[in-house]
N, C-alpha and C. Protein backbone atom coordinates (compact mmCIF):
# COMPACT_ATOMS: atom_id res chain seq x y z
N UNK A 1 8.90 -19.70 11.88
CA UNK A 1 9.44 -18.66 12.75
C UNK A 1 10.36 -17.74 11.95
N UNK A 2 10.11 -16.43 12.02
CA UNK A 2 11.00 -15.46 11.41
C UNK A 2 12.27 -15.37 12.25
N UNK A 3 13.42 -15.28 11.60
CA UNK A 3 14.68 -15.33 12.34
C UNK A 3 14.83 -14.21 13.35
N UNK A 4 14.14 -13.08 13.13
CA UNK A 4 14.20 -11.97 14.09
C UNK A 4 13.77 -12.43 15.48
N UNK A 5 12.82 -13.36 15.53
CA UNK A 5 12.35 -13.87 16.81
C UNK A 5 13.46 -14.55 17.58
N UNK A 6 14.30 -15.30 16.88
CA UNK A 6 15.41 -15.97 17.54
C UNK A 6 16.44 -14.96 18.05
N UNK A 7 16.67 -13.89 17.27
CA UNK A 7 17.64 -12.88 17.69
C UNK A 7 17.19 -12.19 18.98
N UNK A 8 15.92 -11.77 19.00
CA UNK A 8 15.39 -11.11 20.19
C UNK A 8 15.41 -12.05 21.39
N UNK A 9 14.97 -13.29 21.17
CA UNK A 9 14.90 -14.26 22.26
C UNK A 9 16.29 -14.59 22.80
N UNK A 10 17.26 -14.71 21.88
CA UNK A 10 18.62 -15.01 22.31
C UNK A 10 19.19 -13.88 23.16
N UNK A 11 18.97 -12.64 22.72
CA UNK A 11 19.45 -11.49 23.48
C UNK A 11 18.84 -11.44 24.87
N UNK A 12 17.56 -11.70 24.95
CA UNK A 12 16.89 -11.69 26.25
C UNK A 12 17.30 -12.89 27.10
N UNK A 13 17.66 -13.99 26.44
CA UNK A 13 18.18 -15.14 27.17
C UNK A 13 19.50 -14.81 27.85
N UNK A 14 20.33 -14.04 27.15
CA UNK A 14 21.60 -13.59 27.74
C UNK A 14 21.33 -12.68 28.93
N UNK A 15 20.36 -11.77 28.75
CA UNK A 15 19.99 -10.87 29.85
C UNK A 15 19.50 -11.68 31.05
N UNK A 16 18.68 -12.70 30.78
CA UNK A 16 18.16 -13.54 31.87
C UNK A 16 19.30 -14.24 32.62
N UNK A 17 20.29 -14.72 31.87
CA UNK A 17 21.43 -15.41 32.51
C UNK A 17 22.21 -14.46 33.40
N UNK A 18 22.41 -13.23 32.92
CA UNK A 18 23.14 -12.24 33.72
C UNK A 18 22.35 -11.88 34.98
N UNK A 19 21.03 -11.69 34.80
CA UNK A 19 20.18 -11.37 35.95
C UNK A 19 20.24 -12.48 37.00
N UNK A 20 20.21 -13.72 36.52
CA UNK A 20 20.25 -14.85 37.47
C UNK A 20 21.58 -14.91 38.21
N UNK A 21 22.68 -14.67 37.50
CA UNK A 21 23.99 -14.71 38.14
C UNK A 21 24.14 -13.60 39.19
N UNK A 22 23.51 -12.46 38.92
CA UNK A 22 23.65 -11.33 39.83
C UNK A 22 22.68 -11.38 41.01
N UNK A 23 21.48 -11.93 40.79
CA UNK A 23 20.44 -11.83 41.82
C UNK A 23 19.97 -13.17 42.38
N UNK A 24 20.07 -14.24 41.57
CA UNK A 24 19.49 -15.53 41.93
C UNK A 24 18.02 -15.37 42.35
N UNK A 25 17.36 -14.44 41.68
CA UNK A 25 15.95 -14.16 41.99
C UNK A 25 15.06 -14.61 40.84
N UNK A 26 14.09 -15.48 41.14
CA UNK A 26 13.15 -15.92 40.11
C UNK A 26 12.24 -14.78 39.67
N UNK A 27 12.01 -13.84 40.58
CA UNK A 27 11.13 -12.71 40.24
C UNK A 27 11.77 -11.85 39.15
N UNK A 28 13.05 -11.49 39.35
CA UNK A 28 13.75 -10.68 38.34
C UNK A 28 14.01 -11.48 37.07
N UNK A 29 14.15 -12.78 37.20
CA UNK A 29 14.42 -13.64 36.04
C UNK A 29 13.20 -13.75 35.14
N UNK A 30 12.01 -13.62 35.73
CA UNK A 30 10.77 -13.85 34.99
C UNK A 30 10.57 -12.87 33.83
N UNK A 31 10.92 -11.59 34.05
CA UNK A 31 10.65 -10.58 33.02
C UNK A 31 11.38 -10.84 31.71
N UNK A 32 12.72 -11.00 31.71
CA UNK A 32 13.38 -11.26 30.42
C UNK A 32 12.93 -12.58 29.78
N UNK A 33 12.61 -13.59 30.58
CA UNK A 33 12.15 -14.87 30.02
C UNK A 33 10.77 -14.73 29.39
N UNK A 34 9.90 -13.96 30.04
CA UNK A 34 8.57 -13.73 29.46
C UNK A 34 8.67 -12.93 28.17
N UNK A 35 9.55 -11.93 28.15
CA UNK A 35 9.75 -11.15 26.92
C UNK A 35 10.33 -12.02 25.80
N UNK A 36 11.25 -12.91 26.15
CA UNK A 36 11.82 -13.81 25.15
C UNK A 36 10.73 -14.70 24.56
N UNK A 37 9.86 -15.22 25.43
CA UNK A 37 8.76 -16.07 24.96
C UNK A 37 7.80 -15.28 24.08
N UNK A 38 7.56 -14.01 24.44
CA UNK A 38 6.68 -13.16 23.63
C UNK A 38 7.24 -12.96 22.22
N UNK A 39 8.53 -12.68 22.12
CA UNK A 39 9.12 -12.44 20.80
C UNK A 39 9.12 -13.71 19.95
N UNK A 40 9.34 -14.86 20.57
CA UNK A 40 9.26 -16.11 19.82
C UNK A 40 7.85 -16.32 19.28
N UNK A 41 6.86 -15.94 20.08
CA UNK A 41 5.46 -16.08 19.65
C UNK A 41 5.10 -15.02 18.61
N UNK A 42 5.55 -13.79 18.82
CA UNK A 42 5.19 -12.70 17.91
C UNK A 42 5.71 -12.95 16.50
N UNK A 43 6.92 -13.46 16.38
CA UNK A 43 7.52 -13.67 15.07
C UNK A 43 7.20 -15.04 14.49
N UNK A 44 6.10 -15.62 14.91
CA UNK A 44 5.67 -16.90 14.35
C UNK A 44 5.33 -16.73 12.87
N UNK A 45 5.47 -17.79 12.13
CA UNK A 45 5.25 -17.74 10.68
C UNK A 45 4.53 -19.02 10.24
N UNK A 46 3.23 -19.12 10.53
CA UNK A 46 2.51 -20.35 10.23
C UNK A 46 2.35 -20.59 8.73
N UNK A 47 2.30 -21.85 8.34
CA UNK A 47 2.02 -22.18 6.95
C UNK A 47 0.56 -21.87 6.65
N UNK A 48 0.30 -21.52 5.43
CA UNK A 48 -1.05 -21.17 5.00
C UNK A 48 -1.42 -21.95 3.75
N UNK A 49 -2.70 -22.27 3.64
CA UNK A 49 -3.22 -22.91 2.43
C UNK A 49 -3.55 -21.82 1.42
N UNK A 50 -2.81 -21.78 0.32
CA UNK A 50 -2.98 -20.71 -0.68
C UNK A 50 -3.97 -21.16 -1.74
N UNK A 51 -5.07 -20.43 -1.95
CA UNK A 51 -6.02 -20.81 -3.01
C UNK A 51 -5.38 -20.72 -4.39
N UNK A 52 -5.74 -21.63 -5.26
CA UNK A 52 -5.07 -21.73 -6.56
C UNK A 52 -5.95 -21.33 -7.75
N UNK A 53 -7.23 -21.04 -7.52
CA UNK A 53 -8.12 -20.68 -8.63
C UNK A 53 -7.64 -19.38 -9.29
N UNK A 54 -7.81 -19.27 -10.62
CA UNK A 54 -7.36 -18.06 -11.32
C UNK A 54 -8.19 -16.84 -10.93
N UNK A 55 -7.56 -15.67 -11.02
CA UNK A 55 -8.27 -14.42 -10.80
C UNK A 55 -8.49 -14.02 -9.36
N UNK A 56 -7.87 -14.74 -8.41
CA UNK A 56 -8.08 -14.43 -7.00
C UNK A 56 -7.00 -13.46 -6.50
N UNK A 57 -7.41 -12.57 -5.62
CA UNK A 57 -6.49 -11.66 -4.94
C UNK A 57 -6.60 -11.95 -3.45
N UNK A 58 -5.50 -12.39 -2.85
CA UNK A 58 -5.55 -12.79 -1.44
C UNK A 58 -5.00 -11.67 -0.55
N UNK A 59 -5.29 -11.78 0.72
CA UNK A 59 -4.84 -10.77 1.67
C UNK A 59 -3.33 -10.81 1.83
N UNK A 60 -2.67 -9.65 1.84
CA UNK A 60 -1.23 -9.63 2.08
C UNK A 60 -0.87 -9.68 3.56
N UNK A 61 -1.88 -9.62 4.43
CA UNK A 61 -1.60 -9.54 5.86
C UNK A 61 -2.73 -10.13 6.69
N UNK A 62 -2.40 -10.54 7.90
CA UNK A 62 -3.41 -10.90 8.89
C UNK A 62 -3.93 -9.61 9.52
N UNK A 63 -5.19 -9.59 9.92
CA UNK A 63 -5.69 -8.42 10.62
C UNK A 63 -7.16 -8.18 10.40
N UNK A 64 -7.57 -6.96 10.68
CA UNK A 64 -8.97 -6.55 10.62
C UNK A 64 -9.16 -5.58 9.47
N UNK A 65 -10.16 -5.86 8.61
CA UNK A 65 -10.50 -4.93 7.53
C UNK A 65 -11.18 -3.72 8.15
N UNK A 66 -10.53 -2.58 8.08
CA UNK A 66 -11.06 -1.38 8.73
C UNK A 66 -11.71 -0.40 7.78
N UNK A 67 -11.44 -0.55 6.49
CA UNK A 67 -11.98 0.43 5.56
C UNK A 67 -11.94 -0.12 4.14
N UNK A 68 -12.99 0.14 3.38
CA UNK A 68 -12.99 -0.12 1.94
C UNK A 68 -13.63 1.10 1.28
N UNK A 69 -12.91 1.71 0.36
CA UNK A 69 -13.46 2.90 -0.27
C UNK A 69 -12.94 3.04 -1.69
N UNK A 70 -13.79 3.60 -2.54
CA UNK A 70 -13.39 3.91 -3.90
C UNK A 70 -12.64 5.23 -3.90
N UNK A 71 -11.53 5.24 -4.61
CA UNK A 71 -10.76 6.47 -4.73
C UNK A 71 -10.46 6.71 -6.21
N UNK A 72 -10.29 7.97 -6.54
CA UNK A 72 -9.94 8.34 -7.91
C UNK A 72 -8.43 8.61 -7.97
N UNK A 73 -7.77 7.99 -8.93
CA UNK A 73 -6.33 8.17 -9.11
C UNK A 73 -6.06 8.62 -10.53
N UNK A 74 -4.81 8.92 -10.81
CA UNK A 74 -4.45 9.32 -12.17
C UNK A 74 -4.62 8.17 -13.16
N UNK A 75 -4.74 6.94 -12.63
CA UNK A 75 -4.94 5.77 -13.49
C UNK A 75 -6.40 5.33 -13.52
N UNK A 76 -7.29 6.12 -12.90
CA UNK A 76 -8.70 5.77 -12.88
C UNK A 76 -9.17 5.37 -11.49
N UNK A 77 -10.39 4.83 -11.42
CA UNK A 77 -10.97 4.43 -10.14
C UNK A 77 -10.28 3.19 -9.59
N UNK A 78 -10.02 3.20 -8.29
CA UNK A 78 -9.43 2.06 -7.60
C UNK A 78 -10.16 1.85 -6.28
N UNK A 79 -10.22 0.60 -5.86
CA UNK A 79 -10.82 0.26 -4.58
C UNK A 79 -9.70 0.05 -3.57
N UNK A 80 -9.65 0.93 -2.58
CA UNK A 80 -8.61 0.82 -1.55
C UNK A 80 -9.17 0.09 -0.33
N UNK A 81 -8.48 -0.96 0.06
CA UNK A 81 -8.88 -1.78 1.19
C UNK A 81 -7.79 -1.71 2.25
N UNK A 82 -8.17 -1.38 3.47
CA UNK A 82 -7.20 -1.22 4.55
C UNK A 82 -7.33 -2.33 5.57
N UNK A 83 -6.19 -2.89 5.97
CA UNK A 83 -6.13 -3.96 6.97
C UNK A 83 -5.28 -3.48 8.13
N UNK A 84 -5.84 -3.51 9.34
CA UNK A 84 -5.10 -3.11 10.53
C UNK A 84 -4.57 -4.35 11.26
N UNK A 85 -3.27 -4.32 11.56
CA UNK A 85 -2.63 -5.42 12.30
C UNK A 85 -2.35 -4.95 13.72
N UNK A 86 -2.90 -5.65 14.71
CA UNK A 86 -2.54 -5.32 16.09
C UNK A 86 -1.36 -6.20 16.52
N UNK A 87 -0.89 -6.00 17.72
CA UNK A 87 0.32 -6.67 18.18
C UNK A 87 0.13 -8.19 18.29
N UNK A 88 -1.12 -8.66 18.29
CA UNK A 88 -1.37 -10.09 18.44
C UNK A 88 -1.48 -10.82 17.11
N UNK A 89 -1.50 -10.09 16.00
CA UNK A 89 -1.60 -10.72 14.69
C UNK A 89 -0.25 -11.24 14.20
N UNK A 90 -0.29 -12.22 13.29
CA UNK A 90 0.92 -12.62 12.56
C UNK A 90 1.33 -11.43 11.70
N UNK A 91 2.61 -11.06 11.73
CA UNK A 91 3.06 -9.87 11.02
C UNK A 91 3.86 -10.17 9.76
N UNK A 92 3.94 -11.42 9.36
CA UNK A 92 4.57 -11.77 8.09
C UNK A 92 3.62 -11.37 6.96
N UNK A 93 4.12 -10.69 5.96
CA UNK A 93 3.32 -10.26 4.82
C UNK A 93 3.54 -11.18 3.62
N UNK A 94 2.51 -11.29 2.79
CA UNK A 94 2.54 -12.17 1.62
C UNK A 94 2.06 -11.43 0.37
N UNK A 95 2.48 -11.90 -0.77
CA UNK A 95 2.08 -11.28 -2.03
C UNK A 95 0.60 -11.60 -2.32
N UNK A 96 -0.21 -10.59 -2.64
CA UNK A 96 -1.63 -10.84 -2.91
C UNK A 96 -1.90 -11.54 -4.25
N UNK A 97 -0.96 -11.43 -5.19
CA UNK A 97 -1.12 -12.06 -6.50
C UNK A 97 0.24 -12.57 -6.97
N UNK A 98 0.19 -13.40 -7.99
CA UNK A 98 1.41 -13.81 -8.64
C UNK A 98 1.72 -12.89 -9.81
N UNK A 99 2.99 -12.68 -10.09
CA UNK A 99 3.35 -11.81 -11.19
C UNK A 99 4.76 -11.30 -11.06
N UNK A 100 5.04 -10.20 -11.73
CA UNK A 100 6.36 -9.59 -11.72
C UNK A 100 6.32 -8.28 -10.93
N UNK A 101 7.26 -8.13 -10.02
CA UNK A 101 7.33 -6.89 -9.23
C UNK A 101 7.81 -5.77 -10.13
N UNK A 102 6.97 -4.74 -10.25
CA UNK A 102 7.32 -3.63 -11.11
C UNK A 102 7.94 -2.46 -10.35
N UNK A 103 7.53 -2.32 -9.09
CA UNK A 103 8.00 -1.18 -8.30
C UNK A 103 8.09 -1.55 -6.83
N UNK A 104 9.18 -1.17 -6.19
CA UNK A 104 9.30 -1.23 -4.72
C UNK A 104 9.87 0.11 -4.30
N UNK A 105 9.10 0.84 -3.51
CA UNK A 105 9.51 2.19 -3.13
C UNK A 105 9.31 2.41 -1.63
N UNK A 106 10.40 2.70 -0.94
CA UNK A 106 10.34 2.96 0.50
C UNK A 106 10.26 4.46 0.74
N UNK A 107 9.41 4.85 1.68
CA UNK A 107 9.29 6.27 2.04
C UNK A 107 9.44 6.43 3.55
N UNK A 108 10.31 7.34 3.94
CA UNK A 108 10.40 7.66 5.36
C UNK A 108 9.15 8.43 5.77
N UNK A 109 8.85 8.40 7.07
CA UNK A 109 7.67 9.13 7.53
C UNK A 109 7.50 9.07 9.03
N UNK A 110 6.30 9.40 9.46
CA UNK A 110 5.97 9.44 10.87
C UNK A 110 5.51 8.06 11.36
N UNK A 111 5.14 8.01 12.63
CA UNK A 111 4.64 6.77 13.22
C UNK A 111 3.33 7.05 13.94
N UNK A 112 2.38 7.57 13.17
CA UNK A 112 1.05 7.86 13.71
C UNK A 112 0.29 6.55 13.94
N UNK A 113 -0.76 6.62 14.74
CA UNK A 113 -1.64 5.47 14.92
C UNK A 113 -2.13 5.01 13.55
N UNK A 114 -1.92 3.73 13.23
CA UNK A 114 -2.26 3.22 11.90
C UNK A 114 -3.76 3.22 11.62
N UNK A 115 -4.59 3.42 12.65
CA UNK A 115 -6.03 3.50 12.45
C UNK A 115 -6.44 4.86 11.89
N UNK A 116 -5.57 5.86 12.01
CA UNK A 116 -5.90 7.19 11.53
C UNK A 116 -5.76 7.27 10.01
N UNK A 117 -6.67 7.98 9.38
CA UNK A 117 -6.67 8.08 7.91
C UNK A 117 -5.39 8.70 7.38
N UNK A 118 -4.84 9.67 8.11
CA UNK A 118 -3.64 10.36 7.62
C UNK A 118 -2.40 9.49 7.64
N UNK A 119 -2.45 8.34 8.32
CA UNK A 119 -1.28 7.47 8.37
C UNK A 119 -0.91 6.94 7.00
N UNK A 120 -1.90 6.80 6.09
CA UNK A 120 -1.62 6.27 4.76
C UNK A 120 -0.74 7.22 3.95
N UNK A 121 -0.76 8.50 4.30
CA UNK A 121 0.05 9.49 3.60
C UNK A 121 1.33 9.84 4.36
N UNK A 122 1.23 9.88 5.69
CA UNK A 122 2.33 10.46 6.48
C UNK A 122 3.27 9.44 7.12
N UNK A 123 2.83 8.20 7.30
CA UNK A 123 3.67 7.24 8.02
C UNK A 123 4.76 6.63 7.14
N UNK A 124 5.77 6.10 7.80
CA UNK A 124 6.78 5.31 7.10
C UNK A 124 6.09 4.17 6.36
N UNK A 125 6.50 3.90 5.13
CA UNK A 125 5.80 2.89 4.35
C UNK A 125 6.65 2.40 3.18
N UNK A 126 6.28 1.23 2.70
CA UNK A 126 6.86 0.70 1.47
C UNK A 126 5.73 0.38 0.50
N UNK A 127 5.82 0.88 -0.70
CA UNK A 127 4.85 0.61 -1.75
C UNK A 127 5.40 -0.47 -2.67
N UNK A 128 4.58 -1.47 -2.95
CA UNK A 128 4.95 -2.54 -3.89
C UNK A 128 3.88 -2.60 -4.97
N UNK A 129 4.28 -2.65 -6.21
CA UNK A 129 3.35 -2.82 -7.32
C UNK A 129 3.72 -4.09 -8.07
N UNK A 130 2.72 -4.95 -8.28
CA UNK A 130 2.94 -6.23 -8.96
C UNK A 130 2.12 -6.28 -10.24
N UNK A 131 2.79 -6.58 -11.32
CA UNK A 131 2.14 -6.76 -12.62
C UNK A 131 1.68 -8.21 -12.71
N UNK A 132 0.36 -8.41 -12.68
CA UNK A 132 -0.20 -9.76 -12.72
C UNK A 132 -0.57 -10.20 -14.13
N UNK A 133 -0.18 -9.41 -15.12
CA UNK A 133 -0.46 -9.78 -16.51
C UNK A 133 -1.51 -8.87 -17.11
N UNK A 134 -2.78 -9.11 -16.76
CA UNK A 134 -3.88 -8.31 -17.28
C UNK A 134 -4.24 -7.14 -16.38
N UNK A 135 -3.62 -7.04 -15.23
CA UNK A 135 -3.90 -5.96 -14.30
C UNK A 135 -2.72 -5.83 -13.34
N UNK A 136 -2.72 -4.75 -12.57
CA UNK A 136 -1.70 -4.54 -11.57
C UNK A 136 -2.33 -4.36 -10.19
N UNK A 137 -1.62 -4.81 -9.19
CA UNK A 137 -2.03 -4.65 -7.80
C UNK A 137 -0.97 -3.84 -7.07
N UNK A 138 -1.39 -2.81 -6.38
CA UNK A 138 -0.48 -2.06 -5.53
C UNK A 138 -0.84 -2.31 -4.08
N UNK A 139 0.14 -2.45 -3.23
CA UNK A 139 -0.14 -2.55 -1.80
C UNK A 139 0.98 -1.93 -1.00
N UNK A 140 0.62 -1.45 0.19
CA UNK A 140 1.56 -0.74 1.04
C UNK A 140 1.72 -1.44 2.38
N UNK A 141 2.96 -1.52 2.83
CA UNK A 141 3.27 -1.86 4.22
C UNK A 141 3.43 -0.53 4.94
N UNK A 142 2.56 -0.27 5.90
CA UNK A 142 2.56 1.03 6.57
C UNK A 142 2.87 0.85 8.05
N UNK A 143 3.87 1.55 8.52
CA UNK A 143 4.24 1.48 9.93
C UNK A 143 3.15 2.09 10.79
N UNK A 144 3.04 1.63 12.03
CA UNK A 144 2.05 2.15 12.96
C UNK A 144 2.70 2.85 14.14
N UNK A 145 1.92 3.00 15.20
CA UNK A 145 2.39 3.70 16.39
C UNK A 145 3.56 2.97 17.05
N UNK A 146 3.50 1.62 17.05
CA UNK A 146 4.56 0.83 17.68
C UNK A 146 5.59 0.32 16.68
N UNK A 147 5.19 0.26 15.41
CA UNK A 147 6.11 -0.28 14.40
C UNK A 147 7.26 0.68 14.17
N UNK A 148 8.45 0.13 14.09
CA UNK A 148 9.63 0.95 13.86
C UNK A 148 10.51 0.40 12.75
N UNK A 149 10.04 -0.64 12.10
CA UNK A 149 10.83 -1.16 10.99
C UNK A 149 9.95 -1.96 10.04
N UNK A 150 10.04 -1.62 8.77
CA UNK A 150 9.36 -2.36 7.72
C UNK A 150 10.40 -3.18 6.97
N UNK A 151 10.10 -4.46 6.77
CA UNK A 151 11.01 -5.35 6.04
C UNK A 151 10.32 -5.77 4.75
N UNK A 152 10.96 -5.49 3.62
CA UNK A 152 10.46 -5.95 2.32
C UNK A 152 11.61 -6.66 1.61
N UNK A 153 11.38 -7.91 1.23
CA UNK A 153 12.43 -8.71 0.60
C UNK A 153 12.36 -8.71 -0.92
N UNK A 154 11.51 -7.85 -1.48
CA UNK A 154 11.34 -7.82 -2.93
C UNK A 154 12.11 -6.67 -3.55
N UNK A 155 12.38 -6.82 -4.84
CA UNK A 155 12.96 -5.74 -5.64
C UNK A 155 12.34 -5.79 -7.03
N UNK A 156 12.38 -4.68 -7.71
CA UNK A 156 11.81 -4.61 -9.05
C UNK A 156 12.41 -5.69 -9.95
N UNK A 157 11.56 -6.37 -10.69
CA UNK A 157 11.99 -7.44 -11.58
C UNK A 157 11.82 -8.83 -11.01
N UNK A 158 11.61 -8.94 -9.70
CA UNK A 158 11.41 -10.25 -9.09
C UNK A 158 10.10 -10.87 -9.56
N UNK A 159 10.10 -12.17 -9.65
CA UNK A 159 8.89 -12.93 -9.96
C UNK A 159 8.35 -13.50 -8.65
N UNK A 160 7.08 -13.27 -8.37
CA UNK A 160 6.49 -13.76 -7.12
C UNK A 160 5.27 -14.63 -7.43
N UNK A 161 4.95 -15.49 -6.48
CA UNK A 161 3.75 -16.32 -6.57
C UNK A 161 2.71 -15.81 -5.58
N UNK A 162 1.46 -16.06 -5.88
CA UNK A 162 0.40 -15.67 -4.95
C UNK A 162 0.63 -16.32 -3.58
N UNK A 163 0.56 -15.51 -2.53
CA UNK A 163 0.73 -16.02 -1.18
C UNK A 163 2.17 -16.17 -0.74
N UNK A 164 3.11 -15.82 -1.59
CA UNK A 164 4.54 -15.95 -1.25
C UNK A 164 4.91 -14.96 -0.15
N UNK A 165 5.69 -15.40 0.82
CA UNK A 165 6.19 -14.51 1.87
C UNK A 165 7.09 -13.45 1.24
N UNK A 166 6.87 -12.17 1.64
CA UNK A 166 7.67 -11.11 1.02
C UNK A 166 8.20 -10.10 2.03
N UNK A 167 7.90 -10.26 3.31
CA UNK A 167 8.42 -9.32 4.30
C UNK A 167 7.57 -9.32 5.55
N UNK A 168 7.76 -8.30 6.37
CA UNK A 168 6.95 -8.15 7.58
C UNK A 168 7.03 -6.71 8.07
N UNK A 169 6.09 -6.37 8.94
CA UNK A 169 6.10 -5.08 9.63
C UNK A 169 6.16 -5.40 11.11
N UNK A 170 7.14 -4.87 11.79
CA UNK A 170 7.32 -5.22 13.20
C UNK A 170 6.33 -4.45 14.08
N UNK A 171 5.54 -5.21 14.82
CA UNK A 171 4.57 -4.71 15.79
C UNK A 171 3.37 -4.07 15.09
N UNK A 172 2.57 -3.26 15.80
CA UNK A 172 1.32 -2.78 15.23
C UNK A 172 1.51 -2.04 13.92
N UNK A 173 0.60 -2.21 12.95
CA UNK A 173 0.83 -1.62 11.64
C UNK A 173 -0.44 -1.71 10.79
N UNK A 174 -0.26 -1.39 9.51
CA UNK A 174 -1.39 -1.34 8.58
C UNK A 174 -0.91 -1.77 7.20
N UNK A 175 -1.81 -2.38 6.44
CA UNK A 175 -1.50 -2.76 5.07
C UNK A 175 -2.67 -2.33 4.19
N UNK A 176 -2.40 -1.51 3.19
CA UNK A 176 -3.42 -1.07 2.24
C UNK A 176 -3.23 -1.77 0.91
N UNK A 177 -4.34 -2.16 0.31
CA UNK A 177 -4.30 -2.83 -1.00
C UNK A 177 -5.11 -1.99 -1.98
N UNK A 178 -4.54 -1.71 -3.14
CA UNK A 178 -5.23 -0.95 -4.17
C UNK A 178 -5.68 -1.92 -5.26
N UNK A 179 -7.00 -2.11 -5.34
CA UNK A 179 -7.58 -3.11 -6.23
C UNK A 179 -8.09 -2.47 -7.52
N UNK A 180 -8.02 -3.21 -8.64
CA UNK A 180 -8.57 -2.69 -9.90
C UNK A 180 -10.07 -2.47 -9.79
N UNK A 181 -10.60 -1.64 -10.67
CA UNK A 181 -12.04 -1.34 -10.62
C UNK A 181 -12.89 -2.56 -10.95
N UNK A 182 -12.36 -3.47 -11.78
CA UNK A 182 -13.16 -4.61 -12.23
C UNK A 182 -12.97 -5.82 -11.30
N UNK A 183 -13.29 -5.65 -10.03
CA UNK A 183 -13.19 -6.76 -9.08
C UNK A 183 -14.52 -6.97 -8.39
N UNK A 184 -14.74 -8.19 -7.96
CA UNK A 184 -15.84 -8.50 -7.06
C UNK A 184 -15.26 -8.65 -5.67
N UNK A 185 -15.60 -7.73 -4.79
CA UNK A 185 -15.06 -7.75 -3.43
C UNK A 185 -15.68 -8.88 -2.63
N UNK A 186 -14.85 -9.62 -1.89
CA UNK A 186 -15.32 -10.77 -1.12
C UNK A 186 -15.25 -10.57 0.39
N UNK A 187 -14.80 -9.40 0.82
CA UNK A 187 -14.74 -9.10 2.25
C UNK A 187 -15.42 -7.77 2.50
N UNK A 188 -15.66 -7.47 3.77
CA UNK A 188 -16.27 -6.19 4.13
C UNK A 188 -15.65 -5.69 5.42
N UNK A 189 -15.89 -4.44 5.71
CA UNK A 189 -15.36 -3.83 6.93
C UNK A 189 -15.79 -4.63 8.16
N UNK A 190 -14.83 -4.85 9.06
CA UNK A 190 -15.11 -5.60 10.28
C UNK A 190 -14.72 -7.06 10.21
N UNK A 191 -14.40 -7.55 9.02
CA UNK A 191 -13.98 -8.95 8.87
C UNK A 191 -12.51 -9.11 9.21
N UNK A 192 -12.16 -10.27 9.76
CA UNK A 192 -10.76 -10.61 10.02
C UNK A 192 -10.25 -11.47 8.87
N UNK A 193 -9.04 -11.18 8.43
CA UNK A 193 -8.47 -11.88 7.28
C UNK A 193 -7.13 -12.47 7.66
N UNK A 194 -6.70 -13.46 6.86
CA UNK A 194 -5.41 -14.10 7.07
C UNK A 194 -4.56 -13.96 5.81
N UNK A 195 -3.32 -13.57 6.01
CA UNK A 195 -2.42 -13.37 4.89
C UNK A 195 -2.19 -14.63 4.09
N UNK A 196 -2.36 -14.53 2.77
CA UNK A 196 -2.11 -15.65 1.87
C UNK A 196 -3.28 -16.57 1.66
N UNK A 197 -4.25 -16.59 2.58
CA UNK A 197 -5.33 -17.57 2.46
C UNK A 197 -6.72 -16.95 2.30
N UNK A 198 -6.95 -15.77 2.86
CA UNK A 198 -8.26 -15.13 2.70
C UNK A 198 -8.35 -14.42 1.35
N UNK A 199 -9.38 -14.72 0.59
CA UNK A 199 -9.59 -14.07 -0.71
C UNK A 199 -10.24 -12.71 -0.48
N UNK A 200 -9.55 -11.66 -0.89
CA UNK A 200 -10.10 -10.31 -0.77
C UNK A 200 -11.06 -9.98 -1.91
N UNK A 201 -10.69 -10.41 -3.11
CA UNK A 201 -11.48 -10.05 -4.28
C UNK A 201 -11.19 -11.02 -5.42
N UNK A 202 -12.08 -11.00 -6.40
CA UNK A 202 -11.93 -11.81 -7.60
C UNK A 202 -12.02 -10.89 -8.81
N UNK A 203 -11.09 -11.06 -9.73
CA UNK A 203 -11.13 -10.26 -10.96
C UNK A 203 -12.36 -10.67 -11.76
N UNK A 204 -13.22 -9.69 -12.04
CA UNK A 204 -14.49 -9.98 -12.70
C UNK A 204 -14.35 -10.07 -14.20
N UNK A 205 -13.70 -9.09 -14.79
CA UNK A 205 -13.55 -9.04 -16.24
C UNK A 205 -12.11 -8.67 -16.55
N UNK A 206 -11.25 -9.66 -16.82
CA UNK A 206 -9.85 -9.35 -17.12
C UNK A 206 -9.73 -8.29 -18.20
N UNK A 207 -8.88 -7.31 -17.93
CA UNK A 207 -8.66 -6.21 -18.86
C UNK A 207 -7.30 -6.38 -19.52
N UNK A 208 -7.30 -6.48 -20.81
CA UNK A 208 -6.03 -6.71 -21.52
C UNK A 208 -5.17 -5.47 -21.55
N UNK A 209 -5.76 -4.32 -21.19
CA UNK A 209 -4.98 -3.10 -21.16
C UNK A 209 -4.55 -2.82 -19.73
N UNK A 210 -3.33 -3.14 -19.39
CA UNK A 210 -2.81 -2.93 -18.05
C UNK A 210 -2.57 -1.45 -17.81
N UNK A 211 -3.17 -0.90 -16.74
CA UNK A 211 -2.96 0.49 -16.38
C UNK A 211 -1.76 0.58 -15.46
N UNK A 212 -0.83 1.45 -15.79
CA UNK A 212 0.40 1.56 -15.00
C UNK A 212 0.16 2.34 -13.73
N UNK A 213 0.58 1.78 -12.60
CA UNK A 213 0.52 2.47 -11.32
C UNK A 213 1.87 3.07 -11.03
N UNK A 214 1.88 4.23 -10.42
CA UNK A 214 3.11 4.86 -9.99
C UNK A 214 2.96 5.23 -8.53
N UNK A 215 4.07 5.66 -7.92
CA UNK A 215 4.00 6.05 -6.52
C UNK A 215 3.05 7.23 -6.34
N UNK A 216 2.96 8.12 -7.35
CA UNK A 216 2.04 9.25 -7.25
C UNK A 216 0.60 8.77 -7.32
N UNK A 217 0.36 7.71 -8.10
CA UNK A 217 -0.99 7.18 -8.26
C UNK A 217 -1.58 6.73 -6.94
N UNK A 218 -0.78 6.09 -6.10
CA UNK A 218 -1.30 5.47 -4.88
C UNK A 218 -0.92 6.25 -3.63
N UNK A 219 -0.48 7.47 -3.80
CA UNK A 219 -0.10 8.28 -2.64
C UNK A 219 -1.30 8.58 -1.77
């Protein structure tokens, strides 16, 4: 359970107590109690079985794969994979690979529907780039129509493990992953994935020349 769930539930518990003292009505009491139960459920944080084989890139989020496309960047061709999280998904995010965090960059923005293509450029988001040794992985936490806060617990220089919890996006949102060109993709559009446990791709041919990603590269 993410601690935010306890904070929301506690606040609504106080509201429920006040409502009961004022009205002694089970009908009015039901709403804050149901909302408290929802927040406890929404901020759930289940344990996941993290695959340990070398060269695997796991999903940073639970949700639906909505798009996979090749894009050209200043660092060369990259495969961008988009995952949409609805309000019923687990919203805790995990690191797709193990390595050293090279960049964490927060950008203010709009709160467009995360299913829209322009949300990747215009919405509030945090970009994280992880140096995995022979390659780098970039991924974005992107706010959606209902999301109003992105939480990222990483900073440049941190060492992370594959599948490690690193933050969350509150309510509906999107997570984009920028994969190296030399990967074998293991998922396709329409598939549901789980953060930390679903393998998105496998590095096919490790490249000893690490290409540097920047915020401009993955904009």
